[in-house]
Amino acid sequence: LMSLGTGDRVLDLACGPGNFSREFARIVGPEGLVAGVDVSRTMLERGAEELRRSGLRNLALIRAEASELPFADDSFEGACCFAALHLMAEPFEVLDELTRVLAPGGRIALMTSVRRQLTVRPLKPVLERASGMRIFESGEIVGALQERGFGEIHQRLAGMVQFVGGRLAV
């Protein structure tokens, strides 16, 4: 979904120990840069150990809040958030931040929850409270990206998971 290339700058939000971040760093090569951001010190410490062993020099692991990213506007050509947006208290504020740090024409990739016909609407609040995660409606993330100026949006649904990507208008 991000169509990464050599020299790209990439943000991996909620990167955990940096598994995807390290792969992105290999793809963008030494001319590129990857910032792996997570709020968990434990995950980042584990990622730092693995990063030292990998020998990669174009990846920085940074502890920060998703709703207050420590980057200038238009800093990245690609941004992703895999398996975490639905756990964040203010997911649409996080989408605002991802949009802010993406350069015009930048690409976003998200993997998050989705409510399918299997989940009965009246049970949704109960499931959200019990699980501690938000269950997005099938068009909610697509609509949120459109509102923020993204086009070329693609969505794939698989069970209670959705993969959504798009390109920020130039």
N, C-alpha and C. Protein backbone atom coordinates (compact mmCIF):
# COMPACT_ATOMS: atom_id res chain seq x y z
N LEU A 1 0.81 -1.21 0.00
CA LEU A 1 0.00 0.00 0.00
C LEU A 1 0.85 1.26 0.00
N MET A 2 2.07 1.20 0.51
CA MET A 2 2.90 2.40 0.55
C MET A 2 3.80 2.54 -0.68
N SER A 3 3.95 1.50 -1.47
CA SER A 3 4.78 1.55 -2.68
C SER A 3 6.13 2.20 -2.40
N LEU A 4 6.84 1.68 -1.42
CA LEU A 4 8.11 2.27 -1.02
C LEU A 4 9.18 2.09 -2.09
N GLY A 5 10.07 3.07 -2.14
CA GLY A 5 11.18 3.02 -3.08
C GLY A 5 12.45 3.53 -2.42
N THR A 6 13.55 3.33 -3.10
CA THR A 6 14.85 3.78 -2.61
C THR A 6 14.82 5.27 -2.31
N GLY A 7 15.32 5.62 -1.13
CA GLY A 7 15.41 7.01 -0.74
C GLY A 7 14.19 7.57 -0.03
N ASP A 8 13.11 6.80 0.09
CA ASP A 8 11.91 7.29 0.76
C ASP A 8 12.16 7.46 2.26
N ARG A 9 11.39 8.38 2.84
CA ARG A 9 11.35 8.57 4.29
C ARG A 9 10.02 7.99 4.76
N VAL A 10 10.07 7.11 5.78
CA VAL A 10 8.90 6.34 6.18
C VAL A 10 8.69 6.44 7.69
N LEU A 11 7.43 6.60 8.08
CA LEU A 11 7.04 6.59 9.48
C LEU A 11 6.27 5.31 9.76
N ASP A 12 6.74 4.54 10.74
CA ASP A 12 6.05 3.33 11.18
C ASP A 12 5.51 3.62 12.58
N LEU A 13 4.24 4.01 12.66
CA LEU A 13 3.62 4.40 13.92
C LEU A 13 3.13 3.17 14.68
N ALA A 14 3.39 3.15 15.98
CA ALA A 14 3.08 2.00 16.84
C ALA A 14 3.88 0.80 16.35
N CYS A 15 5.18 1.03 16.19
CA CYS A 15 6.07 0.06 15.55
C CYS A 15 6.39 -1.14 16.43
N GLY A 16 6.07 -1.09 17.73
CA GLY A 16 6.44 -2.21 18.60
C GLY A 16 7.94 -2.39 18.59
N PRO A 17 8.44 -3.62 18.44
CA PRO A 17 9.88 -3.84 18.40
C PRO A 17 10.53 -3.54 17.05
N GLY A 18 9.75 -3.03 16.12
CA GLY A 18 10.33 -2.59 14.85
C GLY A 18 10.44 -3.64 13.76
N ASN A 19 9.65 -4.68 13.82
CA ASN A 19 9.73 -5.73 12.79
C ASN A 19 9.49 -5.16 11.39
N PHE A 20 8.41 -4.41 11.22
CA PHE A 20 8.14 -3.80 9.91
C PHE A 20 9.14 -2.68 9.63
N SER A 21 9.51 -1.93 10.66
CA SER A 21 10.44 -0.82 10.48
C SER A 21 11.75 -1.30 9.86
N ARG A 22 12.28 -2.41 10.36
CA ARG A 22 13.54 -2.94 9.82
C ARG A 22 13.38 -3.34 8.36
N GLU A 23 12.26 -3.94 8.03
CA GLU A 23 12.03 -4.32 6.64
C GLU A 23 11.91 -3.08 5.75
N PHE A 24 11.21 -2.05 6.23
CA PHE A 24 11.11 -0.80 5.47
C PHE A 24 12.50 -0.21 5.26
N ALA A 25 13.34 -0.26 6.28
CA ALA A 25 14.70 0.30 6.17
C ALA A 25 15.50 -0.42 5.09
N ARG A 26 15.31 -1.70 4.98
CA ARG A 26 16.00 -2.44 3.91
C ARG A 26 15.49 -2.01 2.54
N ILE A 27 14.18 -1.80 2.43
CA ILE A 27 13.58 -1.43 1.14
C ILE A 27 14.04 -0.05 0.69
N VAL A 28 14.04 0.94 1.60
CA VAL A 28 14.38 2.31 1.20
C VAL A 28 15.88 2.50 1.06
N GLY A 29 16.67 1.57 1.59
CA GLY A 29 18.11 1.61 1.41
C GLY A 29 18.78 2.72 2.20
N PRO A 30 20.11 2.80 2.09
CA PRO A 30 20.86 3.78 2.87
C PRO A 30 20.51 5.22 2.54
N GLU A 31 19.94 5.46 1.37
CA GLU A 31 19.53 6.83 1.01
C GLU A 31 18.23 7.24 1.69
N GLY A 32 17.48 6.27 2.18
CA GLY A 32 16.20 6.53 2.83
C GLY A 32 16.33 6.57 4.34
N LEU A 33 15.22 6.82 4.99
CA LEU A 33 15.20 6.90 6.45
C LEU A 33 13.86 6.38 6.95
N VAL A 34 13.89 5.61 8.03
CA VAL A 34 12.68 5.11 8.65
C VAL A 34 12.66 5.55 10.11
N ALA A 35 11.53 6.08 10.54
CA ALA A 35 11.31 6.42 11.94
C ALA A 35 10.27 5.47 12.48
N GLY A 36 10.66 4.64 13.43
CA GLY A 36 9.73 3.76 14.13
C GLY A 36 9.33 4.44 15.42
N VAL A 37 8.05 4.67 15.60
CA VAL A 37 7.55 5.40 16.78
C VAL A 37 6.63 4.49 17.58
N ASP A 38 6.85 4.48 18.89
CA ASP A 38 5.97 3.72 19.77
C ASP A 38 5.97 4.41 21.13
N VAL A 39 4.93 4.20 21.89
CA VAL A 39 4.83 4.78 23.23
C VAL A 39 5.44 3.85 24.28
N SER A 40 5.64 2.58 23.93
CA SER A 40 6.12 1.58 24.89
C SER A 40 7.65 1.52 24.94
N ARG A 41 8.19 1.89 26.09
CA ARG A 41 9.65 1.81 26.29
C ARG A 41 10.13 0.36 26.14
N THR A 42 9.38 -0.58 26.68
CA THR A 42 9.76 -1.99 26.61
C THR A 42 9.89 -2.47 25.16
N MET A 43 8.90 -2.14 24.34
CA MET A 43 8.95 -2.55 22.93
C MET A 43 10.14 -1.91 22.23
N LEU A 44 10.38 -0.63 22.49
CA LEU A 44 11.48 0.07 21.83
C LEU A 44 12.84 -0.47 22.29
N GLU A 45 12.98 -0.81 23.56
CA GLU A 45 14.24 -1.40 24.05
C GLU A 45 14.50 -2.73 23.35
N ARG A 46 13.47 -3.54 23.23
CA ARG A 46 13.63 -4.82 22.50
C ARG A 46 13.99 -4.56 21.04
N GLY A 47 13.31 -3.56 20.44
CA GLY A 47 13.62 -3.20 19.06
C GLY A 47 15.03 -2.69 18.89
N ALA A 48 15.53 -1.93 19.87
CA ALA A 48 16.89 -1.39 19.78
C ALA A 48 17.93 -2.52 19.77
N GLU A 49 17.69 -3.56 20.57
CA GLU A 49 18.60 -4.71 20.57
C GLU A 49 18.60 -5.38 19.20
N GLU A 50 17.43 -5.58 18.64
CA GLU A 50 17.33 -6.22 17.32
C GLU A 50 17.92 -5.32 16.23
N LEU A 51 17.74 -4.02 16.38
CA LEU A 51 18.30 -3.08 15.41
C LEU A 51 19.82 -3.12 15.43
N ARG A 52 20.43 -3.18 16.61
CA ARG A 52 21.91 -3.29 16.70
C ARG A 52 22.40 -4.53 15.96
N ARG A 53 21.70 -5.64 16.16
CA ARG A 53 22.10 -6.89 15.49
C ARG A 53 21.92 -6.82 13.98
N SER A 54 20.96 -6.03 13.51
CA SER A 54 20.66 -5.98 12.07
C SER A 54 21.72 -5.22 11.28
N GLY A 55 22.40 -4.28 11.93
CA GLY A 55 23.40 -3.48 11.23
C GLY A 55 22.80 -2.34 10.41
N LEU A 56 21.51 -2.15 10.45
CA LEU A 56 20.88 -1.07 9.70
C LEU A 56 21.23 0.28 10.32
N ARG A 57 21.52 1.27 9.49
CA ARG A 57 21.91 2.60 9.96
C ARG A 57 20.90 3.68 9.55
N ASN A 58 19.82 3.28 8.92
CA ASN A 58 18.84 4.26 8.43
C ASN A 58 17.48 4.12 9.14
N LEU A 59 17.51 3.64 10.38
CA LEU A 59 16.30 3.47 11.17
C LEU A 59 16.50 4.06 12.55
N ALA A 60 15.58 4.93 12.95
CA ALA A 60 15.58 5.50 14.30
C ALA A 60 14.32 5.04 15.01
N LEU A 61 14.48 4.57 16.24
CA LEU A 61 13.34 4.18 17.06
C LEU A 61 13.11 5.30 18.08
N ILE A 62 11.87 5.81 18.12
CA ILE A 62 11.57 7.02 18.88
C ILE A 62 10.36 6.77 19.77
N ARG A 63 10.47 7.18 21.03
CA ARG A 63 9.33 7.08 21.95
C ARG A 63 8.54 8.37 21.87
N ALA A 64 7.26 8.26 21.51
CA ALA A 64 6.41 9.44 21.39
C ALA A 64 4.95 9.02 21.39
N GLU A 65 4.10 9.98 21.70
CA GLU A 65 2.66 9.78 21.63
C GLU A 65 2.20 9.90 20.18
N ALA A 66 1.29 9.05 19.78
CA ALA A 66 0.79 9.05 18.40
C ALA A 66 0.04 10.33 18.06
N SER A 67 -0.56 10.96 19.04
CA SER A 67 -1.34 12.17 18.78
C SER A 67 -0.49 13.45 18.82
N GLU A 68 0.81 13.31 19.11
CA GLU A 68 1.73 14.45 19.14
C GLU A 68 3.07 14.02 18.55
N LEU A 69 3.11 13.78 17.27
CA LEU A 69 4.33 13.29 16.64
C LEU A 69 5.40 14.38 16.60
N PRO A 70 6.64 14.04 16.92
CA PRO A 70 7.72 15.03 17.00
C PRO A 70 8.41 15.28 15.66
N PHE A 71 7.62 15.49 14.62
CA PHE A 71 8.17 15.69 13.28
C PHE A 71 7.56 16.93 12.64
N ALA A 72 8.33 17.54 11.76
CA ALA A 72 7.83 18.69 11.01
C ALA A 72 6.78 18.25 9.99
N ASP A 73 5.97 19.18 9.57
CA ASP A 73 5.00 18.91 8.50
C ASP A 73 5.73 18.39 7.27
N ASP A 74 5.08 17.54 6.49
CA ASP A 74 5.59 17.06 5.20
C ASP A 74 6.92 16.31 5.31
N SER A 75 7.13 15.56 6.40
CA SER A 75 8.42 14.89 6.64
C SER A 75 8.58 13.54 5.95
N PHE A 76 7.49 12.89 5.58
CA PHE A 76 7.58 11.50 5.12
C PHE A 76 6.85 11.28 3.80
N GLU A 77 7.38 10.34 3.00
CA GLU A 77 6.69 9.90 1.78
C GLU A 77 5.75 8.74 2.05
N GLY A 78 5.95 8.05 3.17
CA GLY A 78 5.10 6.92 3.52
C GLY A 78 4.87 6.87 5.02
N ALA A 79 3.68 6.46 5.43
CA ALA A 79 3.36 6.31 6.85
C ALA A 79 2.43 5.13 7.02
N CYS A 80 2.64 4.38 8.10
CA CYS A 80 1.75 3.25 8.36
C CYS A 80 1.45 3.16 9.84
N CYS A 81 0.36 2.51 10.13
CA CYS A 81 -0.03 2.17 11.49
C CYS A 81 -0.73 0.82 11.41
N PHE A 82 -0.05 -0.21 11.84
CA PHE A 82 -0.58 -1.57 11.72
C PHE A 82 -1.00 -2.09 13.09
N ALA A 83 -2.25 -2.52 13.20
CA ALA A 83 -2.78 -3.20 14.39
C ALA A 83 -2.73 -2.35 15.65
N ALA A 84 -2.94 -1.02 15.53
CA ALA A 84 -2.91 -0.20 16.73
C ALA A 84 -3.92 0.94 16.72
N LEU A 85 -4.34 1.41 15.56
CA LEU A 85 -5.22 2.58 15.50
C LEU A 85 -6.50 2.35 16.32
N HIS A 86 -7.02 1.15 16.29
CA HIS A 86 -8.25 0.82 17.02
C HIS A 86 -8.04 0.77 18.53
N LEU A 87 -6.78 0.82 18.98
CA LEU A 87 -6.47 0.80 20.42
C LEU A 87 -6.24 2.21 20.97
N MET A 88 -6.15 3.19 20.10
CA MET A 88 -5.82 4.55 20.50
C MET A 88 -7.06 5.31 20.94
N ALA A 89 -6.90 6.13 21.98
CA ALA A 89 -8.02 6.87 22.56
C ALA A 89 -8.68 7.81 21.56
N GLU A 90 -7.89 8.48 20.73
CA GLU A 90 -8.40 9.44 19.75
C GLU A 90 -7.87 9.10 18.36
N PRO A 91 -8.39 8.05 17.74
CA PRO A 91 -7.82 7.60 16.47
C PRO A 91 -7.89 8.63 15.35
N PHE A 92 -8.90 9.49 15.35
CA PHE A 92 -9.01 10.47 14.27
C PHE A 92 -8.01 11.62 14.45
N GLU A 93 -7.66 11.91 15.71
CA GLU A 93 -6.56 12.86 15.95
C GLU A 93 -5.24 12.27 15.46
N VAL A 94 -5.07 10.97 15.63
CA VAL A 94 -3.87 10.30 15.14
C VAL A 94 -3.84 10.37 13.60
N LEU A 95 -4.98 10.17 12.95
CA LEU A 95 -5.02 10.31 11.49
C LEU A 95 -4.68 11.74 11.07
N ASP A 96 -5.10 12.74 11.86
CA ASP A 96 -4.72 14.13 11.58
C ASP A 96 -3.20 14.28 11.64
N GLU A 97 -2.59 13.70 12.64
CA GLU A 97 -1.13 13.79 12.78
C GLU A 97 -0.41 13.07 11.64
N LEU A 98 -0.88 11.89 11.27
CA LEU A 98 -0.27 11.17 10.15
C LEU A 98 -0.38 12.00 8.87
N THR A 99 -1.51 12.62 8.68
CA THR A 99 -1.71 13.46 7.50
C THR A 99 -0.76 14.66 7.53
N ARG A 100 -0.60 15.27 8.68
CA ARG A 100 0.28 16.44 8.83
C ARG A 100 1.73 16.12 8.46
N VAL A 101 2.21 14.96 8.89
CA VAL A 101 3.63 14.65 8.65
C VAL A 101 3.89 14.05 7.27
N LEU A 102 2.83 13.68 6.55
CA LEU A 102 3.01 13.16 5.19
C LEU A 102 3.20 14.31 4.20
N ALA A 103 4.16 14.14 3.31
CA ALA A 103 4.37 15.12 2.24
C ALA A 103 3.25 14.98 1.21
N PRO A 104 2.95 16.04 0.47
CA PRO A 104 1.95 15.92 -0.62
C PRO A 104 2.33 14.75 -1.54
N GLY A 105 1.36 13.94 -1.87
CA GLY A 105 1.61 12.75 -2.67
C GLY A 105 2.04 11.55 -1.84
N GLY A 106 2.21 11.75 -0.52
CA GLY A 106 2.63 10.66 0.36
C GLY A 106 1.56 9.59 0.48
N ARG A 107 1.99 8.40 0.85
CA ARG A 107 1.10 7.25 0.92
C ARG A 107 0.94 6.77 2.37
N ILE A 108 -0.27 6.35 2.68
CA ILE A 108 -0.57 5.84 4.02
C ILE A 108 -1.07 4.40 3.91
N ALA A 109 -0.73 3.59 4.91
CA ALA A 109 -1.21 2.22 4.99
C ALA A 109 -1.65 1.95 6.43
N LEU A 110 -2.86 1.45 6.58
CA LEU A 110 -3.42 1.18 7.89
C LEU A 110 -3.96 -0.24 7.94
N MET A 111 -3.76 -0.89 9.07
CA MET A 111 -4.42 -2.17 9.34
C MET A 111 -5.12 -1.99 10.68
N THR A 112 -6.43 -2.13 10.68
CA THR A 112 -7.19 -1.89 11.89
C THR A 112 -8.46 -2.74 11.89
N SER A 113 -9.27 -2.54 12.90
CA SER A 113 -10.50 -3.32 13.06
C SER A 113 -11.58 -2.86 12.08
N VAL A 114 -12.57 -3.70 11.90
CA VAL A 114 -13.74 -3.33 11.09
C VAL A 114 -14.92 -4.19 11.55
N ARG A 115 -16.09 -3.56 11.56
CA ARG A 115 -17.30 -4.32 11.89
C ARG A 115 -17.87 -4.89 10.60
N ARG A 116 -18.08 -6.17 10.62
CA ARG A 116 -18.70 -6.83 9.47
C ARG A 116 -20.11 -7.25 9.87
N GLN A 117 -20.84 -7.82 8.96
CA GLN A 117 -22.20 -8.26 9.24
C GLN A 117 -22.25 -9.25 10.41
N LEU A 118 -21.14 -9.90 10.68
CA LEU A 118 -21.10 -10.88 11.77
C LEU A 118 -21.31 -10.22 13.13
N THR A 119 -20.92 -8.94 13.23
CA THR A 119 -21.04 -8.22 14.50
C THR A 119 -22.35 -7.44 14.49
N VAL A 120 -23.26 -7.79 15.35
CA VAL A 120 -24.55 -7.13 15.43
C VAL A 120 -24.34 -5.74 16.05
N ARG A 121 -24.86 -4.72 15.38
CA ARG A 121 -24.65 -3.33 15.80
C ARG A 121 -24.94 -3.09 17.29
N PRO A 122 -26.04 -3.58 17.86
CA PRO A 122 -26.29 -3.31 19.29
C PRO A 122 -25.20 -3.88 20.21
N LEU A 123 -24.49 -4.91 19.76
CA LEU A 123 -23.44 -5.50 20.58
C LEU A 123 -22.11 -4.74 20.46
N LYS A 124 -22.00 -3.85 19.50
CA LYS A 124 -20.73 -3.14 19.26
C LYS A 124 -20.20 -2.44 20.51
N PRO A 125 -21.00 -1.62 21.22
CA PRO A 125 -20.47 -0.95 22.42
C PRO A 125 -20.01 -1.94 23.50
N VAL A 126 -20.72 -3.04 23.63
CA VAL A 126 -20.35 -4.06 24.61
C VAL A 126 -19.01 -4.68 24.24
N LEU A 127 -18.86 -5.04 22.96
CA LEU A 127 -17.60 -5.61 22.49
C LEU A 127 -16.44 -4.63 22.65
N GLU A 128 -16.68 -3.36 22.37
CA GLU A 128 -15.62 -2.35 22.50
C GLU A 128 -15.20 -2.19 23.95
N ARG A 129 -16.16 -2.12 24.87
CA ARG A 129 -15.82 -1.98 26.29
C ARG A 129 -15.08 -3.22 26.79
N ALA A 130 -15.55 -4.39 26.42
CA ALA A 130 -14.95 -5.63 26.90
C ALA A 130 -13.54 -5.84 26.35
N SER A 131 -13.32 -5.44 25.11
CA SER A 131 -12.02 -5.68 24.48
C SER A 131 -11.04 -4.53 24.65
N GLY A 132 -11.56 -3.32 24.95
CA GLY A 132 -10.69 -2.16 25.05
C GLY A 132 -10.26 -1.62 23.69
N MET A 133 -10.93 -2.05 22.65
CA MET A 133 -10.59 -1.57 21.31
C MET A 133 -11.82 -1.07 20.58
N ARG A 134 -11.60 -0.14 19.71
CA ARG A 134 -12.68 0.41 18.90
C ARG A 134 -12.90 -0.50 17.69
N ILE A 135 -14.14 -0.68 17.31
CA ILE A 135 -14.45 -1.45 16.11
C ILE A 135 -15.03 -0.47 15.10
N PHE A 136 -14.24 -0.15 14.07
CA PHE A 136 -14.65 0.83 13.07
C PHE A 136 -15.70 0.24 12.14
N GLU A 137 -16.61 1.09 11.69
CA GLU A 137 -17.57 0.69 10.67
C GLU A 137 -16.81 0.52 9.34
N SER A 138 -17.37 -0.22 8.41
CA SER A 138 -16.64 -0.58 7.20
C SER A 138 -16.23 0.62 6.35
N GLY A 139 -16.97 1.72 6.38
CA GLY A 139 -16.60 2.89 5.58
C GLY A 139 -15.98 4.02 6.39
N GLU A 140 -15.82 3.83 7.68
CA GLU A 140 -15.38 4.91 8.57
C GLU A 140 -13.95 5.38 8.29
N ILE A 141 -13.03 4.47 8.13
CA ILE A 141 -11.63 4.84 7.89
C ILE A 141 -11.48 5.40 6.48
N VAL A 142 -12.13 4.79 5.51
CA VAL A 142 -12.09 5.30 4.14
C VAL A 142 -12.61 6.74 4.11
N GLY A 143 -13.74 6.98 4.76
CA GLY A 143 -14.31 8.32 4.82
C GLY A 143 -13.39 9.31 5.52
N ALA A 144 -12.76 8.87 6.60
CA ALA A 144 -11.84 9.75 7.33
C ALA A 144 -10.64 10.13 6.46
N LEU A 145 -10.15 9.19 5.67
CA LEU A 145 -9.02 9.51 4.77
C LEU A 145 -9.48 10.47 3.68
N GLN A 146 -10.65 10.25 3.13
CA GLN A 146 -11.18 11.17 2.10
C GLN A 146 -11.31 12.58 2.65
N GLU A 147 -11.82 12.71 3.88
CA GLU A 147 -11.98 14.02 4.51
C GLU A 147 -10.64 14.72 4.70
N ARG A 148 -9.57 13.96 4.82
CA ARG A 148 -8.24 14.52 5.06
C ARG A 148 -7.46 14.72 3.76
N GLY A 149 -8.12 14.54 2.63
CA GLY A 149 -7.48 14.83 1.35
C GLY A 149 -6.79 13.66 0.67
N PHE A 150 -7.09 12.45 1.09
CA PHE A 150 -6.49 11.28 0.44
C PHE A 150 -7.34 10.83 -0.74
N GLY A 151 -6.70 10.35 -1.76
CA GLY A 151 -7.35 9.75 -2.91
C GLY A 151 -6.71 8.40 -3.18
N GLU A 152 -7.08 7.78 -4.30
CA GLU A 152 -6.55 6.46 -4.65
C GLU A 152 -6.66 5.51 -3.46
N ILE A 153 -7.79 5.57 -2.76
CA ILE A 153 -7.96 4.78 -1.55
C ILE A 153 -8.36 3.35 -1.91
N HIS A 154 -7.68 2.41 -1.25
CA HIS A 154 -7.97 0.99 -1.43
C HIS A 154 -8.28 0.41 -0.06
N GLN A 155 -9.28 -0.46 -0.02
CA GLN A 155 -9.65 -1.12 1.23
C GLN A 155 -9.85 -2.60 0.95
N ARG A 156 -9.27 -3.42 1.83
CA ARG A 156 -9.49 -4.87 1.76
C ARG A 156 -9.95 -5.34 3.12
N LEU A 157 -11.05 -6.07 3.15
CA LEU A 157 -11.61 -6.58 4.40
C LEU A 157 -11.29 -8.06 4.53
N ALA A 158 -10.90 -8.46 5.73
CA ALA A 158 -10.61 -9.86 6.02
C ALA A 158 -11.07 -10.15 7.44
N GLY A 159 -12.21 -10.77 7.59
CA GLY A 159 -12.75 -11.01 8.92
C GLY A 159 -13.07 -9.70 9.60
N MET A 160 -12.53 -9.50 10.78
CA MET A 160 -12.74 -8.25 11.53
C MET A 160 -11.56 -7.28 11.36
N VAL A 161 -10.79 -7.46 10.29
CA VAL A 161 -9.63 -6.62 10.02
C VAL A 161 -9.79 -5.96 8.66
N GLN A 162 -9.32 -4.72 8.57
CA GLN A 162 -9.31 -4.03 7.28
C GLN A 162 -7.91 -3.49 7.02
N PHE A 163 -7.53 -3.52 5.77
CA PHE A 163 -6.30 -2.91 5.28
C PHE A 163 -6.73 -1.76 4.41
N VAL A 164 -6.28 -0.56 4.72
CA VAL A 164 -6.69 0.64 3.97
C VAL A 164 -5.45 1.43 3.62
N GLY A 165 -5.37 1.85 2.38
CA GLY A 165 -4.26 2.68 1.94
C GLY A 165 -4.74 3.77 1.03
N GLY A 166 -3.97 4.83 0.92
CA GLY A 166 -4.32 5.93 0.04
C GLY A 166 -3.14 6.86 -0.18
N ARG A 167 -3.34 7.82 -1.06
CA ARG A 167 -2.30 8.80 -1.39
C ARG A 167 -2.83 10.19 -1.08
N LEU A 168 -2.02 10.98 -0.38
CA LEU A 168 -2.40 12.34 -0.03
C LEU A 168 -2.32 13.21 -1.26
N ALA A 169 -3.32 14.05 -1.46
CA ALA A 169 -3.35 14.93 -2.62
C ALA A 169 -2.11 15.80 -2.68
N VAL A 170 -1.72 16.10 -3.91
CA VAL A 170 -0.53 16.94 -4.12
C VAL A 170 -0.91 18.39 -4.00
